[in-house]
Every structure is written in C-alpha cells, then in structure tokens.
Amino acid sequence: MFSACFADYYEAYVRAFKRLKPNQVIPFHYDIEEDLDEARGLKERLDREGINSRLIELEKVLKSKKCAKF
C-alpha cells in the first residue's frame, strides 16, 4: 500500500494500517528533490508498531542502471 507521510497524521496512518492489515506500506507522497524526513519518520513509526514498511528513495532508483532512460 502506498501512503502519504505527513507527520501530523502518523497516528491516523497507524490506526488505518492496523485496521487494513496491508502486506507492506510504502511512504510515497514526497518531493524527491527535498529531504525524506517525513517518509523516514513514518517508516520508523511503522517499524515500532510492527507494520511492515519500505522506503523507496526515488532519486536512487532513477539514477540506477535498472531504470529505463526516457
């Protein structure tokens, strides 16, 4: 499940994910040119709650050789 990651809503996200029980949560709603503090913060919170999550650093993906060039 992809999720927004605004710090003000971490508690609401955790409640929703506990109810929905997704296989994995990926904080995704951020500007890749800015820092990832909110996405990292949500991931840390989800980890503490035992909710499987993963952070995708899009800038690294876009720079990798595996990404098709457009």
PDB file of N, CA and C in Angstrom:
ATOM      1  N   MET A   1       0.847  -1.154   0.000  1.00  0.00           N
ATOM      2  CA  MET A   1       0.000   0.000   0.000  1.00  0.00           C
ATOM      3  C   MET A   1       0.903   1.231   0.000  1.00  0.00           C
ATOM      4  N   PHE A   2       0.631   2.165  -0.883  1.00  0.00           N
ATOM      5  CA  PHE A   2       1.339   3.436  -0.906  1.00  0.00           C
ATOM      6  C   PHE A   2       0.598   4.419  -0.006  1.00  0.00           C
ATOM      7  N   SER A   3       1.356   5.265   0.680  1.00  0.00           N
ATOM      8  CA  SER A   3       0.740   6.162   1.653  1.00  0.00           C
ATOM      9  C   SER A   3       1.391   7.532   1.637  1.00  0.00           C
ATOM     10  N   ALA A   4       0.586   8.534   1.939  1.00  0.00           N
ATOM     11  CA  ALA A   4       1.134   9.849   2.243  1.00  0.00           C
ATOM     12  C   ALA A   4       1.928   9.708   3.538  1.00  0.00           C
ATOM     13  N   CYS A   5       2.735  10.709   3.876  1.00  0.00           N
ATOM     14  CA  CYS A   5       3.574  10.558   5.068  1.00  0.00           C
ATOM     15  C   CYS A   5       3.724  11.876   5.841  1.00  0.00           C
ATOM     16  N   PHE A   6       2.637  12.599   5.983  1.00  0.00           N
ATOM     17  CA  PHE A   6       2.667  13.852   6.738  1.00  0.00           C
ATOM     18  C   PHE A   6       2.751  13.549   8.232  1.00  0.00           C
ATOM     19  N   ALA A   7       3.733  14.145   8.902  1.00  0.00           N
ATOM     20  CA  ALA A   7       3.981  13.854  10.320  1.00  0.00           C
ATOM     21  C   ALA A   7       2.750  14.082  11.198  1.00  0.00           C
ATOM     22  N   ASP A   8       1.947  15.072  10.883  1.00  0.00           N
ATOM     23  CA  ASP A   8       0.744  15.364  11.681  1.00  0.00           C
ATOM     24  C   ASP A   8      -0.272  14.219  11.669  1.00  0.00           C
ATOM     25  N   TYR A   9      -0.145  13.304  10.712  1.00  0.00           N
ATOM     26  CA  TYR A   9      -1.137  12.242  10.558  1.00  0.00           C
ATOM     27  C   TYR A   9      -0.588  10.842  10.844  1.00  0.00           C
ATOM     28  N   TYR A  10       0.632  10.743  11.388  1.00  0.00           N
ATOM     29  CA  TYR A  10       1.204   9.423  11.662  1.00  0.00           C
ATOM     30  C   TYR A  10       0.248   8.543  12.465  1.00  0.00           C
ATOM     31  N   GLU A  11      -0.354   9.094  13.511  1.00  0.00           N
ATOM     32  CA  GLU A  11      -1.256   8.303  14.370  1.00  0.00           C
ATOM     33  C   GLU A  11      -2.440   7.764  13.561  1.00  0.00           C
ATOM     34  N   ALA A  12      -3.016   8.600  12.707  1.00  0.00           N
ATOM     35  CA  ALA A  12      -4.147   8.160  11.865  1.00  0.00           C
ATOM     36  C   ALA A  12      -3.697   7.091  10.877  1.00  0.00           C
ATOM     37  N   TYR A  13      -2.505   7.250  10.315  1.00  0.00           N
ATOM     38  CA  TYR A  13      -1.993   6.231   9.389  1.00  0.00           C
ATOM     39  C   TYR A  13      -1.848   4.894  10.112  1.00  0.00           C
ATOM     40  N   VAL A  14      -1.248   4.915  11.296  1.00  0.00           N
ATOM     41  CA  VAL A  14      -1.033   3.678  12.054  1.00  0.00           C
ATOM     42  C   VAL A  14      -2.375   3.000  12.354  1.00  0.00           C
ATOM     43  N   ARG A  15      -3.364   3.774  12.796  1.00  0.00           N
ATOM     44  CA  ARG A  15      -4.696   3.191  13.071  1.00  0.00           C
ATOM     45  C   ARG A  15      -5.273   2.548  11.811  1.00  0.00           C
ATOM     46  N   ALA A  16      -5.172   3.247  10.689  1.00  0.00           N
ATOM     47  CA  ALA A  16      -5.723   2.721   9.436  1.00  0.00           C
ATOM     48  C   ALA A  16      -4.995   1.456   8.995  1.00  0.00           C
ATOM     49  N   PHE A  17      -3.672   1.455   9.103  1.00  0.00           N
ATOM     50  CA  PHE A  17      -2.914   0.283   8.668  1.00  0.00           C
ATOM     51  C   PHE A  17      -3.172  -0.916   9.569  1.00  0.00           C
ATOM     52  N   LYS A  18      -3.356  -0.685  10.848  1.00  0.00           N
ATOM     53  CA  LYS A  18      -3.692  -1.794  11.745  1.00  0.00           C
ATOM     54  C   LYS A  18      -5.048  -2.384  11.386  1.00  0.00           C
ATOM     55  N   ARG A  19      -5.967  -1.518  10.966  1.00  0.00           N
ATOM     56  CA  ARG A  19      -7.298  -1.991  10.581  1.00  0.00           C
ATOM     57  C   ARG A  19      -7.257  -2.698   9.224  1.00  0.00           C
ATOM     58  N   LEU A  20      -6.531  -2.130   8.266  1.00  0.00           N
ATOM     59  CA  LEU A  20      -6.492  -2.668   6.904  1.00  0.00           C
ATOM     60  C   LEU A  20      -5.544  -3.855   6.736  1.00  0.00           C
ATOM     61  N   LYS A  21      -4.522  -3.924   7.578  1.00  0.00           N
ATOM     62  CA  LYS A  21      -3.541  -5.007   7.553  1.00  0.00           C
ATOM     63  C   LYS A  21      -2.907  -5.225   6.169  1.00  0.00           C
ATOM     64  N   PRO A  22      -2.291  -4.183   5.606  1.00  0.00           N
ATOM     65  CA  PRO A  22      -1.630  -4.362   4.302  1.00  0.00           C
ATOM     66  C   PRO A  22      -0.375  -5.215   4.459  1.00  0.00           C
ATOM     67  N   ASN A  23       0.039  -5.874   3.380  1.00  0.00           N
ATOM     68  CA  ASN A  23       1.275  -6.672   3.412  1.00  0.00           C
ATOM     69  C   ASN A  23       2.488  -5.780   3.626  1.00  0.00           C
ATOM     70  N   GLN A  24       2.455  -4.597   3.044  1.00  0.00           N
ATOM     71  CA  GLN A  24       3.571  -3.667   3.168  1.00  0.00           C
ATOM     72  C   GLN A  24       3.075  -2.247   2.910  1.00  0.00           C
ATOM     73  N   VAL A  25       3.647  -1.295   3.626  1.00  0.00           N
ATOM     74  CA  VAL A  25       3.319   0.120   3.442  1.00  0.00           C
ATOM     75  C   VAL A  25       4.555   0.821   2.892  1.00  0.00           C
ATOM     76  N   ILE A  26       4.349   1.627   1.867  1.00  0.00           N
ATOM     77  CA  ILE A  26       5.442   2.392   1.271  1.00  0.00           C
ATOM     78  C   ILE A  26       5.091   3.868   1.342  1.00  0.00           C
ATOM     79  N   PRO A  27       5.746   4.616   2.261  1.00  0.00           N
ATOM     80  CA  PRO A  27       5.532   6.061   2.299  1.00  0.00           C
ATOM     81  C   PRO A  27       6.016   6.656   0.970  1.00  0.00           C
ATOM     82  N   PHE A  28       5.165   7.376   0.287  1.00  0.00           N
ATOM     83  CA  PHE A  28       5.476   7.742  -1.086  1.00  0.00           C
ATOM     84  C   PHE A  28       5.207   9.192  -1.419  1.00  0.00           C
ATOM     85  N   HIS A  29       4.428   9.867  -0.667  1.00  0.00           N
ATOM     86  CA  HIS A  29       3.974  11.211  -1.030  1.00  0.00           C
ATOM     87  C   HIS A  29       4.971  12.264  -0.566  1.00  0.00           C
ATOM     88  N   TYR A  30       6.035  12.451  -1.346  1.00  0.00           N
ATOM     89  CA  TYR A  30       7.043  13.459  -1.015  1.00  0.00           C
ATOM     90  C   TYR A  30       7.728  13.920  -2.282  1.00  0.00           C
ATOM     91  N   ASP A  31       8.371  15.054  -2.210  1.00  0.00           N
ATOM     92  CA  ASP A  31       9.104  15.638  -3.329  1.00  0.00           C
ATOM     93  C   ASP A  31      10.513  15.060  -3.308  1.00  0.00           C
ATOM     94  N   ILE A  32      10.927  14.385  -4.386  1.00  0.00           N
ATOM     95  CA  ILE A  32      12.240  13.730  -4.388  1.00  0.00           C
ATOM     96  C   ILE A  32      13.384  14.726  -4.331  1.00  0.00           C
ATOM     97  N   GLU A  33      13.112  15.979  -4.599  1.00  0.00           N
ATOM     98  CA  GLU A  33      14.165  16.978  -4.531  1.00  0.00           C
ATOM     99  C   GLU A  33      14.328  17.538  -3.117  1.00  0.00           C
ATOM    100  N   GLU A  34      13.420  17.218  -2.236  1.00  0.00           N
ATOM    101  CA  GLU A  34      13.505  17.643  -0.848  1.00  0.00           C
ATOM    102  C   GLU A  34      13.963  16.454  -0.009  1.00  0.00           C
ATOM    103  N   ASP A  35      14.178  16.682   1.275  1.00  0.00           N
ATOM    104  CA  ASP A  35      14.613  15.579   2.128  1.00  0.00           C
ATOM    105  C   ASP A  35      13.457  14.612   2.381  1.00  0.00           C
ATOM    106  N   LEU A  36      13.813  13.463   2.880  1.00  0.00           N
ATOM    107  CA  LEU A  36      12.830  12.389   3.102  1.00  0.00           C
ATOM    108  C   LEU A  36      12.468  12.245   4.576  1.00  0.00           C
ATOM    109  N   ASP A  37      12.622  13.311   5.357  1.00  0.00           N
ATOM    110  CA  ASP A  37      12.405  13.213   6.800  1.00  0.00           C
ATOM    111  C   ASP A  37      11.035  12.663   7.171  1.00  0.00           C
ATOM    112  N   GLU A  38       9.976  13.136   6.533  1.00  0.00           N
ATOM    113  CA  GLU A  38       8.630  12.661   6.889  1.00  0.00           C
ATOM    114  C   GLU A  38       8.446  11.196   6.494  1.00  0.00           C
ATOM    115  N   ALA A  39       8.958  10.812   5.340  1.00  0.00           N
ATOM    116  CA  ALA A  39       8.851   9.413   4.916  1.00  0.00           C
ATOM    117  C   ALA A  39       9.645   8.516   5.861  1.00  0.00           C
ATOM    118  N   ARG A  40      10.856   8.938   6.219  1.00  0.00           N
ATOM    119  CA  ARG A  40      11.668   8.155   7.162  1.00  0.00           C
ATOM    120  C   ARG A  40      11.000   8.097   8.536  1.00  0.00           C
ATOM    121  N   GLY A  41      10.425   9.212   8.952  1.00  0.00           N
ATOM    122  CA  GLY A  41       9.737   9.242  10.245  1.00  0.00           C
ATOM    123  C   GLY A  41       8.569   8.282  10.295  1.00  0.00           C
ATOM    124  N   LEU A  42       7.779   8.239   9.219  1.00  0.00           N
ATOM    125  CA  LEU A  42       6.650   7.306   9.187  1.00  0.00           C
ATOM    126  C   LEU A  42       7.153   5.872   9.174  1.00  0.00           C
ATOM    127  N   LYS A  43       8.197   5.590   8.412  1.00  0.00           N
ATOM    128  CA  LYS A  43       8.740   4.232   8.383  1.00  0.00           C
ATOM    129  C   LYS A  43       9.199   3.815   9.776  1.00  0.00           C
ATOM    130  N   GLU A  44       9.902   4.688  10.479  1.00  0.00           N
ATOM    131  CA  GLU A  44      10.350   4.373  11.830  1.00  0.00           C
ATOM    132  C   GLU A  44       9.162   4.091  12.751  1.00  0.00           C
ATOM    133  N   ARG A  45       8.130   4.897  12.626  1.00  0.00           N
ATOM    134  CA  ARG A  45       6.928   4.697  13.454  1.00  0.00           C
ATOM    135  C   ARG A  45       6.262   3.361  13.126  1.00  0.00           C
ATOM    136  N   LEU A  46       6.149   3.040  11.837  1.00  0.00           N
ATOM    137  CA  LEU A  46       5.543   1.772  11.430  1.00  0.00           C
ATOM    138  C   LEU A  46       6.379   0.593  11.922  1.00  0.00           C
ATOM    139  N   ASP A  47       7.695   0.722  11.854  1.00  0.00           N
ATOM    140  CA  ASP A  47       8.574  -0.336  12.362  1.00  0.00           C
ATOM    141  C   ASP A  47       8.317  -0.581  13.845  1.00  0.00           C
ATOM    142  N   ARG A  48       8.196   0.504  14.620  1.00  0.00           N
ATOM    143  CA  ARG A  48       7.927   0.363  16.064  1.00  0.00           C
ATOM    144  C   ARG A  48       6.589  -0.315  16.326  1.00  0.00           C
ATOM    145  N   GLU A  49       5.632  -0.098  15.419  1.00  0.00           N
ATOM    146  CA  GLU A  49       4.293  -0.683  15.578  1.00  0.00           C
ATOM    147  C   GLU A  49       4.200  -2.096  14.998  1.00  0.00           C
ATOM    148  N   GLY A  50       5.292  -2.589  14.414  1.00  0.00           N
ATOM    149  CA  GLY A  50       5.290  -3.935  13.835  1.00  0.00           C
ATOM    150  C   GLY A  50       4.600  -4.012  12.490  1.00  0.00           C
ATOM    151  N   ILE A  51       4.504  -2.897  11.802  1.00  0.00           N
ATOM    152  CA  ILE A  51       3.862  -2.846  10.483  1.00  0.00           C
ATOM    153  C   ILE A  51       4.962  -2.850   9.425  1.00  0.00           C
ATOM    154  N   ASN A  52       4.931  -3.829   8.537  1.00  0.00           N
ATOM    155  CA  ASN A  52       5.948  -3.967   7.503  1.00  0.00           C
ATOM    156  C   ASN A  52       5.926  -2.748   6.582  1.00  0.00           C
ATOM    157  N   SER A  53       7.084  -2.132   6.413  1.00  0.00           N
ATOM    158  CA  SER A  53       7.144  -0.954   5.545  1.00  0.00           C
ATOM    159  C   SER A  53       8.472  -0.917   4.817  1.00  0.00           C
ATOM    160  N   ARG A  54       8.502  -0.119   3.787  1.00  0.00           N
ATOM    161  CA  ARG A  54       9.699   0.007   2.961  1.00  0.00           C
ATOM    162  C   ARG A  54       9.766   1.434   2.450  1.00  0.00           C
ATOM    163  N   LEU A  55      10.963   1.983   2.415  1.00  0.00           N
ATOM    164  CA  LEU A  55      11.168   3.325   1.903  1.00  0.00           C
ATOM    165  C   LEU A  55      11.830   3.215   0.539  1.00  0.00           C
ATOM    166  N   ILE A  56      11.249   3.832  -0.447  1.00  0.00           N
ATOM    167  CA  ILE A  56      11.833   3.861  -1.780  1.00  0.00           C
ATOM    168  C   ILE A  56      12.416   5.248  -1.996  1.00  0.00           C
ATOM    169  N   GLU A  57      13.721   5.287  -2.183  1.00  0.00           N
ATOM    170  CA  GLU A  57      14.365   6.563  -2.447  1.00  0.00           C
ATOM    171  C   GLU A  57      14.420   6.727  -3.964  1.00  0.00           C
ATOM    172  N   LEU A  58      13.446   7.431  -4.507  1.00  0.00           N
ATOM    173  CA  LEU A  58      13.261   7.528  -5.948  1.00  0.00           C
ATOM    174  C   LEU A  58      14.477   8.078  -6.674  1.00  0.00           C
ATOM    175  N   GLU A  59      15.177   8.990  -6.059  1.00  0.00           N
ATOM    176  CA  GLU A  59      16.351   9.552  -6.714  1.00  0.00           C
ATOM    177  C   GLU A  59      17.371   8.458  -7.016  1.00  0.00           C
ATOM    178  N   LYS A  60      17.569   7.525  -6.084  1.00  0.00           N
ATOM    179  CA  LYS A  60      18.491   6.415  -6.299  1.00  0.00           C
ATOM    180  C   LYS A  60      17.981   5.489  -7.392  1.00  0.00           C
ATOM    181  N   VAL A  61      16.680   5.240  -7.411  1.00  0.00           N
ATOM    182  CA  VAL A  61      16.086   4.373  -8.427  1.00  0.00           C
ATOM    183  C   VAL A  61      16.262   4.985  -9.803  1.00  0.00           C
ATOM    184  N   LEU A  62      15.994   6.278  -9.918  1.00  0.00           N
ATOM    185  CA  LEU A  62      16.098   6.946 -11.201  1.00  0.00           C
ATOM    186  C   LEU A  62      17.522   6.990 -11.728  1.00  0.00           C
ATOM    187  N   LYS A  63      18.488   6.989 -10.827  1.00  0.00           N
ATOM    188  CA  LYS A  63      19.883   7.031 -11.231  1.00  0.00           C
ATOM    189  C   LYS A  63      20.471   5.646 -11.496  1.00  0.00           C
ATOM    190  N   SER A  64      19.750   4.605 -11.099  1.00  0.00           N
ATOM    191  CA  SER A  64      20.278   3.252 -11.249  1.00  0.00           C
ATOM    192  C   SER A  64      20.256   2.820 -12.710  1.00  0.00           C
ATOM    193  N   LYS A  65      21.068   1.853 -13.019  1.00  0.00           N
ATOM    194  CA  LYS A  65      21.144   1.325 -14.385  1.00  0.00           C
ATOM    195  C   LYS A  65      19.905   0.523 -14.738  1.00  0.00           C
ATOM    196  N   LYS A  66      19.150   0.090 -13.724  1.00  0.00           N
ATOM    197  CA  LYS A  66      17.962  -0.725 -13.966  1.00  0.00           C
ATOM    198  C   LYS A  66      16.798   0.111 -14.466  1.00  0.00           C
ATOM    199  N   CYS A  67      16.865   1.415 -14.283  1.00  0.00           N
ATOM    200  CA  CYS A  67      15.763   2.303 -14.671  1.00  0.00           C
ATOM    201  C   CYS A  67      15.921   2.680 -16.148  1.00  0.00           C
ATOM    202  N   ALA A  68      14.867   2.505 -16.898  1.00  0.00           N
ATOM    203  CA  ALA A  68      14.899   2.876 -18.316  1.00  0.00           C
ATOM    204  C   ALA A  68      15.060   4.382 -18.450  1.00  0.00           C
ATOM    205  N   LYS A  69      15.832   4.798 -19.429  1.00  0.00           N
ATOM    206  CA  LYS A  69      16.022   6.220 -19.678  1.00  0.00           C
ATOM    207  C   LYS A  69      14.969   6.710 -20.648  1.00  0.00           C
ATOM    208  N   PHE A  70      14.362   7.829 -20.315  1.00  0.00           N
ATOM    209  CA  PHE A  70      13.297   8.385 -21.146  1.00  0.00           C
ATOM    210  C   PHE A  70      13.786   9.580 -21.885  1.00  0.00           C
TER     211      PHE A  70
END
